[in-house]
Amino acid sequence: MTGGPHARPDVPQDPKEAPVRRLMETAHPPVPPDLTRRAVARGGRLLRVRNAARTLAWTVLAGATVLFLRWAAATEPWRLPPDRLTPPWPG
């Protein structure tokens, strides 16, 4: 009986199942002994790069905010420009 202990004889087996089972039953390729060390080193590099990028992004955002606030305080863009169409009122 193929298909393991839960196989039902009334259900036909998938034709793709046999090659997959053969692959699973063969010997697995050996894992390099320094794989863990390399993975940890790469993960550390990725974290450092990600943290540096995040720090740079926040620094640029803070600088842009300060520049915007200084510009807004100096030019006061919310005030209307003086009306130059009407002549000054005599008196």
C-alpha atoms as a PDB file:
ATOM      1  CA  MET A   1       0.000   0.000   0.000  1.00  0.00           C
ATOM      2  CA  THR A   2       1.530   3.313  -1.077  1.00  0.00           C
ATOM      3  CA  GLY A   3       0.685   6.778   0.150  1.00  0.00           C
ATOM      4  CA  GLY A   4       1.487   6.330   3.824  1.00  0.00           C
ATOM      5  CA  PRO A   5      -0.714   5.295   6.738  1.00  0.00           C
ATOM      6  CA  HIS A   6      -3.466   7.797   5.888  1.00  0.00           C
ATOM      7  CA  ALA A   7      -3.834   6.836   2.228  1.00  0.00           C
ATOM      8  CA  ARG A   8      -7.315   5.884   1.162  1.00  0.00           C
ATOM      9  CA  PRO A   9      -7.559   3.102  -1.414  1.00  0.00           C
ATOM     10  CA  ASP A  10     -10.637   4.651  -3.059  1.00  0.00           C
ATOM     11  CA  VAL A  11      -8.818   7.958  -3.879  1.00  0.00           C
ATOM     12  CA  PRO A  12      -6.403   7.821  -6.828  1.00  0.00           C
ATOM     13  CA  GLN A  13      -2.890   9.036  -6.068  1.00  0.00           C
ATOM     14  CA  ASP A  14      -1.537  12.225  -7.574  1.00  0.00           C
ATOM     15  CA  PRO A  15       0.957  11.436 -10.357  1.00  0.00           C
ATOM     16  CA  LYS A  16       3.285  14.139  -8.998  1.00  0.00           C
ATOM     17  CA  GLU A  17       3.457  12.514  -5.578  1.00  0.00           C
ATOM     18  CA  ALA A  18       5.837   9.655  -6.470  1.00  0.00           C
ATOM     19  CA  PRO A  19       8.695  11.878  -7.757  1.00  0.00           C
ATOM     20  CA  VAL A  20       8.353  14.131  -4.732  1.00  0.00           C
ATOM     21  CA  ARG A  21       8.509  11.152  -2.389  1.00  0.00           C
ATOM     22  CA  ARG A  22      11.643   9.892  -4.161  1.00  0.00           C
ATOM     23  CA  LEU A  23      13.282  13.299  -3.704  1.00  0.00           C
ATOM     24  CA  MET A  24      12.380  13.362  -0.020  1.00  0.00           C
ATOM     25  CA  GLU A  25      13.788   9.864   0.570  1.00  0.00           C
ATOM     26  CA  THR A  26      17.195  10.563  -1.030  1.00  0.00           C
ATOM     27  CA  ALA A  27      20.155  11.859   0.944  1.00  0.00           C
ATOM     28  CA  HIS A  28      20.172  15.585   1.511  1.00  0.00           C
ATOM     29  CA  PRO A  29      23.159  17.642   0.347  1.00  0.00           C
ATOM     30  CA  PRO A  30      25.672  18.470   3.079  1.00  0.00           C
ATOM     31  CA  VAL A  31      25.392  21.849   4.761  1.00  0.00           C
ATOM     32  CA  PRO A  32      28.590  23.925   4.815  1.00  0.00           C
ATOM     33  CA  PRO A  33      30.022  24.031   8.348  1.00  0.00           C
ATOM     34  CA  ASP A  34      30.360  27.832   8.339  1.00  0.00           C
ATOM     35  CA  LEU A  35      26.837  28.484   7.081  1.00  0.00           C
ATOM     36  CA  THR A  36      25.583  29.731  10.458  1.00  0.00           C
ATOM     37  CA  ARG A  37      28.515  32.126  10.883  1.00  0.00           C
ATOM     38  CA  ARG A  38      28.031  33.549   7.385  1.00  0.00           C
ATOM     39  CA  ALA A  39      24.274  33.927   7.898  1.00  0.00           C
ATOM     40  CA  VAL A  40      24.777  35.747  11.211  1.00  0.00           C
ATOM     41  CA  ALA A  41      27.389  38.045   9.652  1.00  0.00           C
ATOM     42  CA  ARG A  42      25.135  38.854   6.705  1.00  0.00           C
ATOM     43  CA  GLY A  43      22.170  39.484   8.993  1.00  0.00           C
ATOM     44  CA  GLY A  44      24.291  41.822  11.116  1.00  0.00           C
ATOM     45  CA  ARG A  45      25.368  43.753   8.028  1.00  0.00           C
ATOM     46  CA  LEU A  46      21.781  44.044   6.841  1.00  0.00           C
ATOM     47  CA  LEU A  47      20.672  45.344  10.252  1.00  0.00           C
ATOM     48  CA  ARG A  48      23.473  47.929  10.352  1.00  0.00           C
ATOM     49  CA  VAL A  49      22.652  49.159   6.842  1.00  0.00           C
ATOM     50  CA  ARG A  50      18.947  49.310   7.639  1.00  0.00           C
ATOM     51  CA  ASN A  51      19.560  51.226  10.878  1.00  0.00           C
ATOM     52  CA  ALA A  52      21.919  53.655   9.122  1.00  0.00           C
ATOM     53  CA  ALA A  53      19.338  54.266   6.381  1.00  0.00           C
ATOM     54  CA  ARG A  54      16.606  54.835   8.968  1.00  0.00           C
ATOM     55  CA  THR A  55      18.812  57.263  10.912  1.00  0.00           C
ATOM     56  CA  LEU A  56      19.672  59.143   7.724  1.00  0.00           C
ATOM     57  CA  ALA A  57      16.005  59.350   6.715  1.00  0.00           C
ATOM     58  CA  TRP A  58      14.960  60.738  10.125  1.00  0.00           C
ATOM     59  CA  THR A  59      17.847  63.225  10.078  1.00  0.00           C
ATOM     60  CA  VAL A  60      16.872  64.480   6.614  1.00  0.00           C
ATOM     61  CA  LEU A  61      13.223  64.722   7.679  1.00  0.00           C
ATOM     62  CA  ALA A  62      14.130  66.677  10.826  1.00  0.00           C
ATOM     63  CA  GLY A  63      16.379  69.026   8.830  1.00  0.00           C
ATOM     64  CA  ALA A  64      13.673  69.635   6.244  1.00  0.00           C
ATOM     65  CA  THR A  65      11.179  70.377   9.014  1.00  0.00           C
ATOM     66  CA  VAL A  66      13.521  72.906  10.651  1.00  0.00           C
ATOM     67  CA  LEU A  67      14.197  74.582   7.296  1.00  0.00           C
ATOM     68  CA  PHE A  68      10.494  74.776   6.516  1.00  0.00           C
ATOM     69  CA  LEU A  69       9.680  76.277   9.912  1.00  0.00           C
ATOM     70  CA  ARG A  70      12.448  78.888   9.590  1.00  0.00           C
ATOM     71  CA  TRP A  71      11.253  79.806   6.085  1.00  0.00           C
ATOM     72  CA  ALA A  72       7.658  80.061   7.272  1.00  0.00           C
ATOM     73  CA  ALA A  73       8.631  82.249  10.231  1.00  0.00           C
ATOM     74  CA  ALA A  74      10.683  84.568   8.022  1.00  0.00           C
ATOM     75  CA  THR A  75       8.281  85.001   5.102  1.00  0.00           C
ATOM     76  CA  GLU A  76       4.931  84.533   6.895  1.00  0.00           C
ATOM     77  CA  PRO A  77       3.209  83.021   3.834  1.00  0.00           C
ATOM     78  CA  TRP A  78      -0.170  83.030   5.583  1.00  0.00           C
ATOM     79  CA  ARG A  79      -0.374  86.852   5.489  1.00  0.00           C
ATOM     80  CA  LEU A  80      -1.926  88.519   2.478  1.00  0.00           C
ATOM     81  CA  PRO A  81       0.361  90.684   0.385  1.00  0.00           C
ATOM     82  CA  PRO A  82      -0.305  94.421   0.576  1.00  0.00           C
ATOM     83  CA  ASP A  83      -2.976  95.568  -1.805  1.00  0.00           C
ATOM     84  CA  ARG A  84      -1.351  97.687  -4.496  1.00  0.00           C
ATOM     85  CA  LEU A  85      -4.405  98.260  -6.676  1.00  0.00           C
ATOM     86  CA  THR A  86      -6.054 100.999  -4.628  1.00  0.00           C
ATOM     87  CA  PRO A  87      -4.411 104.360  -4.051  1.00  0.00           C
ATOM     88  CA  PRO A  88      -3.608 105.382  -0.502  1.00  0.00           C
ATOM     89  CA  TRP A  89      -6.438 107.122   1.351  1.00  0.00           C
ATOM     90  CA  PRO A  90      -5.897 110.827   1.734  1.00  0.00           C
ATOM     91  CA  GLY A  91      -5.921 112.101   5.178  1.00  0.00           C
END
